[in-house]
Amino acid sequence: MKFIDRYRQDKEDQFVDNAVIVTFENICDYAAQMPSADSYEIRYATRMPSLKAAEKVLESVRLKFLAEDVKADLFYMEGMICGKIASIAPPSQEVYQLRMFWSRAPGKFINKLTGNPIDLTSSLSMGPVFTGTVREWYETLIETIVDASNELRKQHGVTPNKIYVGPNVRCILEACVMYRPSFPGGLQHYGTLAGGFKIYETNRLTNDVEICLDLGDERHIAIVSVLDMNII
């Protein structure tokens, strides 16, 4: 009897694993066929061996959507998966915990806490000198982003995992060697940076990089303001 029960459990576990992938892909395909929107109503027939298996499948599917910053309110009823999926809204500009600065002008060193240029003639030493390429200079923006993230972690004990940028700043990040592109549908991110940051493009025209962690009603945000955007 134990062998039979175990066999049934193994078959159900295998069904759940396969159903998670199929269900997730079916919902994504359904959303891709709908007119562009921030949320989608879901309702389609599917087969589940038991209500317990259905709950396991839907819980895993919810987590897969959450990993892509999409909230999935799904439930199983009378052979149907019903519910709604919606992208998680980006944070507002007015909410932030700290701010740092970075200059796009290659070789222009600034105080990251104030944005003021560093005066290289204020001492006997020649100070920092940059002799690399424009692309190598862009890598220092990522270093500033990491500094801001680390400072947010020190102050609030959180680990930011998302970046919101305007289209101009996104082009800078895409030129960096630590950028990894993504080719998603309308609900997902553009790519990732080293350290696990997901990159999203905000609808606002801004030269700020918003580094944040969204915990539902609680948002922790650090901002890196990109200066000298008129200089290549």
C-alpha atoms as a PDB file:
ATOM      1  CA  MET A   1       0.000   0.000   0.000  1.00  0.00           C
ATOM      2  CA  LYS A   2       2.845   2.381   0.814  1.00  0.00           C
ATOM      3  CA  PHE A   3       4.386   1.610  -2.561  1.00  0.00           C
ATOM      4  CA  ILE A   4       1.129   2.457  -4.341  1.00  0.00           C
ATOM      5  CA  ASP A   5       0.734   5.702  -2.374  1.00  0.00           C
ATOM      6  CA  ARG A   6       4.303   6.669  -3.149  1.00  0.00           C
ATOM      7  CA  TYR A   7       3.814   5.873  -6.828  1.00  0.00           C
ATOM      8  CA  ARG A   8       0.720   8.060  -6.953  1.00  0.00           C
ATOM      9  CA  GLN A   9       2.561  10.883  -5.188  1.00  0.00           C
ATOM     10  CA  ASP A  10       5.495  10.669  -7.619  1.00  0.00           C
ATOM     11  CA  LYS A  11       3.109  10.796 -10.586  1.00  0.00           C
ATOM     12  CA  GLU A  12       1.340  13.823  -9.138  1.00  0.00           C
ATOM     13  CA  ASP A  13       4.649  15.602  -8.409  1.00  0.00           C
ATOM     14  CA  GLN A  14       5.738  14.979 -11.988  1.00  0.00           C
ATOM     15  CA  PHE A  15       2.436  16.350 -13.249  1.00  0.00           C
ATOM     16  CA  VAL A  16       2.827  19.460 -11.074  1.00  0.00           C
ATOM     17  CA  ASP A  17       6.353  20.148 -12.358  1.00  0.00           C
ATOM     18  CA  ASN A  18       5.232  19.890 -15.979  1.00  0.00           C
ATOM     19  CA  ALA A  19       1.996  21.814 -15.371  1.00  0.00           C
ATOM     20  CA  VAL A  20       3.861  24.761 -13.827  1.00  0.00           C
ATOM     21  CA  ILE A  21       5.859  25.333 -17.006  1.00  0.00           C
ATOM     22  CA  VAL A  22       2.876  24.830 -19.319  1.00  0.00           C
ATOM     23  CA  THR A  23       0.560  27.033 -17.231  1.00  0.00           C
ATOM     24  CA  PHE A  24       3.104  29.857 -16.987  1.00  0.00           C
ATOM     25  CA  GLU A  25       3.768  29.783 -20.737  1.00  0.00           C
ATOM     26  CA  ASN A  26       0.030  29.614 -21.568  1.00  0.00           C
ATOM     27  CA  ILE A  27      -0.689  32.675 -19.435  1.00  0.00           C
ATOM     28  CA  CYS A  28       2.219  34.594 -21.021  1.00  0.00           C
ATOM     29  CA  ASP A  29       0.965  33.642 -24.498  1.00  0.00           C
ATOM     30  CA  TYR A  30      -2.556  34.723 -23.542  1.00  0.00           C
ATOM     31  CA  ALA A  31      -1.303  38.124 -22.339  1.00  0.00           C
ATOM     32  CA  ALA A  32       0.841  38.596 -25.456  1.00  0.00           C
ATOM     33  CA  GLN A  33      -2.233  38.196 -27.672  1.00  0.00           C
ATOM     34  CA  MET A  34      -4.239  40.801 -25.751  1.00  0.00           C
ATOM     35  CA  PRO A  35      -4.178  44.550 -26.497  1.00  0.00           C
ATOM     36  CA  SER A  36      -1.426  46.406 -24.662  1.00  0.00           C
ATOM     37  CA  ALA A  37      -2.455  46.968 -21.042  1.00  0.00           C
ATOM     38  CA  ASP A  38      -1.096  46.995 -17.515  1.00  0.00           C
ATOM     39  CA  SER A  39      -3.247  44.055 -16.412  1.00  0.00           C
ATOM     40  CA  TYR A  40      -4.931  41.035 -17.986  1.00  0.00           C
ATOM     41  CA  GLU A  41      -7.932  38.938 -16.988  1.00  0.00           C
ATOM     42  CA  ILE A  42      -7.204  35.209 -17.254  1.00  0.00           C
ATOM     43  CA  ARG A  43      -9.771  32.444 -17.711  1.00  0.00           C
ATOM     44  CA  TYR A  44      -9.140  29.174 -19.529  1.00  0.00           C
ATOM     45  CA  ALA A  45      -9.815  25.490 -19.076  1.00  0.00           C
ATOM     46  CA  THR A  46      -7.120  23.075 -17.927  1.00  0.00           C
ATOM     47  CA  ARG A  47      -6.810  19.644 -16.312  1.00  0.00           C
ATOM     48  CA  MET A  48      -5.638  19.035 -12.750  1.00  0.00           C
ATOM     49  CA  PRO A  49      -5.596  15.634 -11.011  1.00  0.00           C
ATOM     50  CA  SER A  50      -6.643  17.174  -7.690  1.00  0.00           C
ATOM     51  CA  LEU A  51      -7.335  20.477  -5.959  1.00  0.00           C
ATOM     52  CA  LYS A  52      -4.115  19.976  -3.961  1.00  0.00           C
ATOM     53  CA  ALA A  53      -2.107  19.679  -7.187  1.00  0.00           C
ATOM     54  CA  ALA A  54      -3.825  22.766  -8.577  1.00  0.00           C
ATOM     55  CA  GLU A  55      -2.799  24.802  -5.547  1.00  0.00           C
ATOM     56  CA  LYS A  56       0.817  23.630  -5.901  1.00  0.00           C
ATOM     57  CA  VAL A  57       0.841  24.584  -9.568  1.00  0.00           C
ATOM     58  CA  LEU A  58      -0.689  28.011  -9.018  1.00  0.00           C
ATOM     59  CA  GLU A  59       1.625  28.814  -6.100  1.00  0.00           C
ATOM     60  CA  SER A  60       4.679  28.050  -8.255  1.00  0.00           C
ATOM     61  CA  VAL A  61       3.246  30.067 -11.151  1.00  0.00           C
ATOM     62  CA  ARG A  62       2.619  33.038  -8.831  1.00  0.00           C
ATOM     63  CA  LEU A  63       6.253  32.906  -7.690  1.00  0.00           C
ATOM     64  CA  LYS A  64       7.510  32.746 -11.297  1.00  0.00           C
ATOM     65  CA  PHE A  65       5.509  35.871 -12.148  1.00  0.00           C
ATOM     66  CA  LEU A  66       6.672  37.614  -8.967  1.00  0.00           C
ATOM     67  CA  ALA A  67      10.291  37.010 -10.017  1.00  0.00           C
ATOM     68  CA  GLU A  68       9.472  39.092 -13.116  1.00  0.00           C
ATOM     69  CA  ASP A  69       7.825  41.823 -11.005  1.00  0.00           C
ATOM     70  CA  VAL A  70       4.335  40.743 -12.045  1.00  0.00           C
ATOM     71  CA  LYS A  71       1.563  40.134  -9.527  1.00  0.00           C
ATOM     72  CA  ALA A  72      -0.595  37.090 -10.353  1.00  0.00           C
ATOM     73  CA  ASP A  73      -3.945  36.660  -8.561  1.00  0.00           C
ATOM     74  CA  LEU A  74      -4.918  33.199  -9.795  1.00  0.00           C
ATOM     75  CA  PHE A  75      -7.293  30.528  -8.526  1.00  0.00           C
ATOM     76  CA  TYR A  76      -8.641  27.177  -9.745  1.00  0.00           C
ATOM     77  CA  MET A  77     -12.381  26.579 -10.039  1.00  0.00           C
ATOM     78  CA  GLU A  78     -14.381  23.895 -11.845  1.00  0.00           C
ATOM     79  CA  GLY A  79     -11.632  22.919 -14.249  1.00  0.00           C
ATOM     80  CA  MET A  80     -10.744  26.560 -14.998  1.00  0.00           C
ATOM     81  CA  ILE A  81      -7.810  28.766 -14.070  1.00  0.00           C
ATOM     82  CA  CYS A  82      -9.182  32.237 -13.394  1.00  0.00           C
ATOM     83  CA  GLY A  83      -7.695  35.461 -12.140  1.00  0.00           C
ATOM     84  CA  LYS A  84      -5.668  38.466 -13.211  1.00  0.00           C
ATOM     85  CA  ILE A  85      -2.000  39.330 -13.805  1.00  0.00           C
ATOM     86  CA  ALA A  86      -0.668  42.883 -13.520  1.00  0.00           C
ATOM     87  CA  SER A  87       2.776  44.453 -13.659  1.00  0.00           C
ATOM     88  CA  ILE A  88       3.982  45.939 -10.368  1.00  0.00           C
ATOM     89  CA  ALA A  89       3.978  49.740 -10.594  1.00  0.00           C
ATOM     90  CA  PRO A  90       7.374  51.496 -10.428  1.00  0.00           C
ATOM     91  CA  PRO A  91       8.082  53.696  -7.403  1.00  0.00           C
ATOM     92  CA  SER A  92       7.278  57.399  -7.447  1.00  0.00           C
ATOM     93  CA  GLN A  93      10.004  60.020  -7.871  1.00  0.00           C
ATOM     94  CA  GLU A  94       9.165  61.693  -4.556  1.00  0.00           C
ATOM     95  CA  VAL A  95      10.129  58.704  -2.376  1.00  0.00           C
ATOM     96  CA  TYR A  96      13.825  58.080  -1.817  1.00  0.00           C
ATOM     97  CA  GLN A  97      16.235  57.536   1.044  1.00  0.00           C
ATOM     98  CA  LEU A  98      19.565  58.844  -0.307  1.00  0.00           C
ATOM     99  CA  ARG A  99      21.097  60.433  -3.395  1.00  0.00           C
ATOM    100  CA  MET A 100      24.466  60.169  -5.130  1.00  0.00           C
ATOM    101  CA  PHE A 101      25.899  61.788  -8.270  1.00  0.00           C
ATOM    102  CA  TRP A 102      27.881  60.694 -11.343  1.00  0.00           C
ATOM    103  CA  SER A 103      29.128  62.655 -14.372  1.00  0.00           C
ATOM    104  CA  ARG A 104      28.828  61.343 -17.911  1.00  0.00           C
ATOM    105  CA  ALA A 105      31.812  63.482 -19.011  1.00  0.00           C
ATOM    106  CA  PRO A 106      34.778  61.060 -19.311  1.00  0.00           C
ATOM    107  CA  GLY A 107      37.488  61.919 -16.796  1.00  0.00           C
ATOM    108  CA  LYS A 108      35.370  64.427 -14.862  1.00  0.00           C
ATOM    109  CA  PHE A 109      35.600  63.286 -11.248  1.00  0.00           C
ATOM    110  CA  ILE A 110      32.930  64.619  -8.923  1.00  0.00           C
ATOM    111  CA  ASN A 111      32.065  64.204  -5.266  1.00  0.00           C
ATOM    112  CA  LYS A 112      29.449  61.447  -5.393  1.00  0.00           C
ATOM    113  CA  LEU A 113      27.698  62.839  -2.296  1.00  0.00           C
ATOM    114  CA  THR A 114      27.426  66.466  -3.409  1.00  0.00           C
ATOM    115  CA  GLY A 115      27.854  66.458  -7.204  1.00  0.00           C
ATOM    116  CA  ASN A 116      30.582  69.099  -7.007  1.00  0.00           C
ATOM    117  CA  PRO A 117      33.643  68.697  -9.307  1.00  0.00           C
ATOM    118  CA  ILE A 118      36.852  67.622  -7.585  1.00  0.00           C
ATOM    119  CA  ASP A 119      39.457  70.410  -7.702  1.00  0.00           C
ATOM    120  CA  LEU A 120      42.668  68.695  -8.791  1.00  0.00           C
ATOM    121  CA  THR A 121      44.761  71.812  -8.068  1.00  0.00           C
ATOM    122  CA  SER A 122      43.880  72.024  -4.379  1.00  0.00           C
ATOM    123  CA  SER A 123      46.953  70.035  -3.318  1.00  0.00           C
ATOM    124  CA  LEU A 124      50.447  69.210  -4.498  1.00  0.00           C
ATOM    125  CA  SER A 125      49.314  65.868  -5.927  1.00  0.00           C
ATOM    126  CA  MET A 126      47.888  65.752  -9.456  1.00  0.00           C
ATOM    127  CA  GLY A 127      44.831  63.818  -8.228  1.00  0.00           C
ATOM    128  CA  PRO A 128      42.890  61.166 -10.132  1.00  0.00           C
ATOM    129  CA  VAL A 129      43.468  60.916 -13.880  1.00  0.00           C
ATOM    130  CA  PHE A 130      41.384  58.881 -16.311  1.00  0.00           C
ATOM    131  CA  THR A 131      43.068  57.573 -19.470  1.00  0.00           C
ATOM    132  CA  GLY A 132      40.605  54.900 -20.594  1.00  0.00           C
ATOM    133  CA  THR A 133      37.819  54.743 -23.172  1.00  0.00           C
ATOM    134  CA  VAL A 134      34.303  56.182 -22.948  1.00  0.00           C
ATOM    135  CA  ARG A 135      32.949  52.678 -22.405  1.00  0.00           C
ATOM    136  CA  GLU A 136      35.339  52.136 -19.512  1.00  0.00           C
ATOM    137  CA  TRP A 137      34.186  55.424 -17.999  1.00  0.00           C
ATOM    138  CA  TYR A 138      30.576  54.223 -18.202  1.00  0.00           C
ATOM    139  CA  GLU A 139      31.554  51.295 -15.989  1.00  0.00           C
ATOM    140  CA  THR A 140      32.120  53.794 -13.166  1.00  0.00           C
ATOM    141  CA  LEU A 141      28.380  54.544 -13.238  1.00  0.00           C
ATOM    142  CA  ILE A 142      27.759  50.934 -12.242  1.00  0.00           C
ATOM    143  CA  GLU A 143      30.292  51.328  -9.431  1.00  0.00           C
ATOM    144  CA  THR A 144      28.309  54.334  -8.174  1.00  0.00           C
ATOM    145  CA  ILE A 145      25.064  52.350  -8.422  1.00  0.00           C
ATOM    146  CA  VAL A 146      26.617  49.579  -6.335  1.00  0.00           C
ATOM    147  CA  ASP A 147      27.849  52.163  -3.788  1.00  0.00           C
ATOM    148  CA  ALA A 148      24.326  53.589  -3.471  1.00  0.00           C
ATOM    149  CA  SER A 149      22.879  50.087  -3.096  1.00  0.00           C
ATOM    150  CA  ASN A 150      25.408  49.210  -0.395  1.00  0.00           C
ATOM    151  CA  GLU A 151      24.638  52.430   1.470  1.00  0.00           C
ATOM    152  CA  LEU A 152      20.916  51.650   1.358  1.00  0.00           C
ATOM    153  CA  ARG A 153      21.675  48.208   2.775  1.00  0.00           C
ATOM    154  CA  LYS A 154      23.766  49.729   5.588  1.00  0.00           C
ATOM    155  CA  GLN A 155      21.041  52.212   6.537  1.00  0.00           C
ATOM    156  CA  HIS A 156      17.954  50.027   6.217  1.00  0.00           C
ATOM    157  CA  GLY A 157      19.115  46.408   6.029  1.00  0.00           C
ATOM    158  CA  VAL A 158      17.582  45.813   2.589  1.00  0.00           C
ATOM    159  CA  THR A 159      19.069  44.598  -0.695  1.00  0.00           C
ATOM    160  CA  PRO A 160      17.779  46.523  -3.746  1.00  0.00           C
ATOM    161  CA  ASN A 161      17.191  44.417  -6.847  1.00  0.00           C
ATOM    162  CA  LYS A 162      15.618  46.757  -9.419  1.00  0.00           C
ATOM    163  CA  ILE A 163      16.756  49.797 -11.404  1.00  0.00           C
ATOM    164  CA  TYR A 164      14.419  52.297 -13.082  1.00  0.00           C
ATOM    165  CA  VAL A 165      15.986  54.604 -15.692  1.00  0.00           C
ATOM    166  CA  GLY A 166      14.994  56.914 -18.529  1.00  0.00           C
ATOM    167  CA  PRO A 167      15.814  55.952 -22.143  1.00  0.00           C
ATOM    168  CA  ASN A 168      19.025  58.040 -22.302  1.00  0.00           C
ATOM    169  CA  VAL A 169      20.529  56.538 -19.164  1.00  0.00           C
ATOM    170  CA  ARG A 170      19.461  53.052 -20.240  1.00  0.00           C
ATOM    171  CA  CYS A 171      21.612  53.481 -23.367  1.00  0.00           C
ATOM    172  CA  ILE A 172      24.614  54.165 -21.112  1.00  0.00           C
ATOM    173  CA  LEU A 173      24.014  50.999 -19.094  1.00  0.00           C
ATOM    174  CA  GLU A 174      23.557  48.942 -22.256  1.00  0.00           C
ATOM    175  CA  ALA A 175      27.057  50.004 -23.365  1.00  0.00           C
ATOM    176  CA  CYS A 176      28.630  48.477 -20.239  1.00  0.00           C
ATOM    177  CA  VAL A 177      30.271  45.054 -20.271  1.00  0.00           C
ATOM    178  CA  MET A 178      28.336  44.060 -17.144  1.00  0.00           C
ATOM    179  CA  TYR A 179      24.991  44.517 -18.928  1.00  0.00           C
ATOM    180  CA  ARG A 180      23.128  41.376 -19.985  1.00  0.00           C
ATOM    181  CA  PRO A 181      20.203  41.990 -22.374  1.00  0.00           C
ATOM    182  CA  SER A 182      16.792  40.416 -22.048  1.00  0.00           C
ATOM    183  CA  PHE A 183      14.274  39.984 -24.852  1.00  0.00           C
ATOM    184  CA  PRO A 184      10.965  39.758 -23.010  1.00  0.00           C
ATOM    185  CA  GLY A 185       7.350  40.585 -23.637  1.00  0.00           C
ATOM    186  CA  GLY A 186       5.751  43.773 -22.409  1.00  0.00           C
ATOM    187  CA  LEU A 187       5.647  42.789 -18.729  1.00  0.00           C
ATOM    188  CA  GLN A 188       9.290  41.990 -18.114  1.00  0.00           C
ATOM    189  CA  HIS A 189      12.566  43.848 -17.733  1.00  0.00           C
ATOM    190  CA  TYR A 190      15.058  45.009 -20.373  1.00  0.00           C
ATOM    191  CA  GLY A 191      18.108  43.270 -18.955  1.00  0.00           C
ATOM    192  CA  THR A 192      20.268  42.792 -15.883  1.00  0.00           C
ATOM    193  CA  LEU A 193      23.488  44.191 -14.451  1.00  0.00           C
ATOM    194  CA  ALA A 194      26.148  42.423 -12.438  1.00  0.00           C
ATOM    195  CA  GLY A 195      24.852  41.970  -8.918  1.00  0.00           C
ATOM    196  CA  GLY A 196      21.393  40.867 -10.026  1.00  0.00           C
ATOM    197  CA  PHE A 197      19.847  44.291 -10.736  1.00  0.00           C
ATOM    198  CA  LYS A 198      16.920  44.151 -13.175  1.00  0.00           C
ATOM    199  CA  ILE A 199      16.649  47.183 -15.474  1.00  0.00           C
ATOM    200  CA  TYR A 200      13.289  48.812 -16.209  1.00  0.00           C
ATOM    201  CA  GLU A 201      12.610  51.922 -18.282  1.00  0.00           C
ATOM    202  CA  THR A 202      10.410  54.512 -16.604  1.00  0.00           C
ATOM    203  CA  ASN A 203       7.892  56.575 -18.558  1.00  0.00           C
ATOM    204  CA  ARG A 204       9.259  59.812 -17.077  1.00  0.00           C
ATOM    205  CA  LEU A 205      11.967  61.868 -18.790  1.00  0.00           C
ATOM    206  CA  THR A 206      14.693  61.713 -16.172  1.00  0.00           C
ATOM    207  CA  ASN A 207      18.474  61.432 -15.887  1.00  0.00           C
ATOM    208  CA  ASP A 208      18.209  59.677 -12.531  1.00  0.00           C
ATOM    209  CA  VAL A 209      18.914  56.033 -11.780  1.00  0.00           C
ATOM    210  CA  GLU A 210      16.437  54.745  -9.187  1.00  0.00           C
ATOM    211  CA  ILE A 211      17.808  51.749  -7.276  1.00  0.00           C
ATOM    212  CA  CYS A 212      15.051  50.195  -5.218  1.00  0.00           C
ATOM    213  CA  LEU A 213      13.469  47.300  -3.408  1.00  0.00           C
ATOM    214  CA  ASP A 214       9.688  47.112  -3.397  1.00  0.00           C
ATOM    215  CA  LEU A 215       8.201  45.334  -0.378  1.00  0.00           C
ATOM    216  CA  GLY A 216       4.558  45.928  -1.177  1.00  0.00           C
ATOM    217  CA  ASP A 217       3.538  49.134   0.592  1.00  0.00           C
ATOM    218  CA  GLU A 218       7.141  49.785   1.679  1.00  0.00           C
ATOM    219  CA  ARG A 219       9.712  51.039  -0.827  1.00  0.00           C
ATOM    220  CA  HIS A 220      13.423  51.636  -0.241  1.00  0.00           C
ATOM    221  CA  ILE A 221      15.011  53.800  -2.929  1.00  0.00           C
ATOM    222  CA  ALA A 222      18.437  55.273  -3.610  1.00  0.00           C
ATOM    223  CA  ILE A 223      18.924  57.699  -6.517  1.00  0.00           C
ATOM    224  CA  VAL A 224      22.046  58.303  -8.609  1.00  0.00           C
ATOM    225  CA  SER A 225      21.719  61.558 -10.564  1.00  0.00           C
ATOM    226  CA  VAL A 226      23.588  61.483 -13.880  1.00  0.00           C
ATOM    227  CA  LEU A 227      25.131  64.889 -14.636  1.00  0.00           C
ATOM    228  CA  ASP A 228      26.546  66.328 -17.889  1.00  0.00           C
ATOM    229  CA  MET A 229      24.194  64.334 -20.131  1.00  0.00           C
ATOM    230  CA  ASN A 230      24.945  66.773 -22.993  1.00  0.00           C
ATOM    231  CA  ILE A 231      28.571  65.502 -23.097  1.00  0.00           C
ATOM    232  CA  ILE A 232      29.490  62.332 -24.982  1.00  0.00           C
END
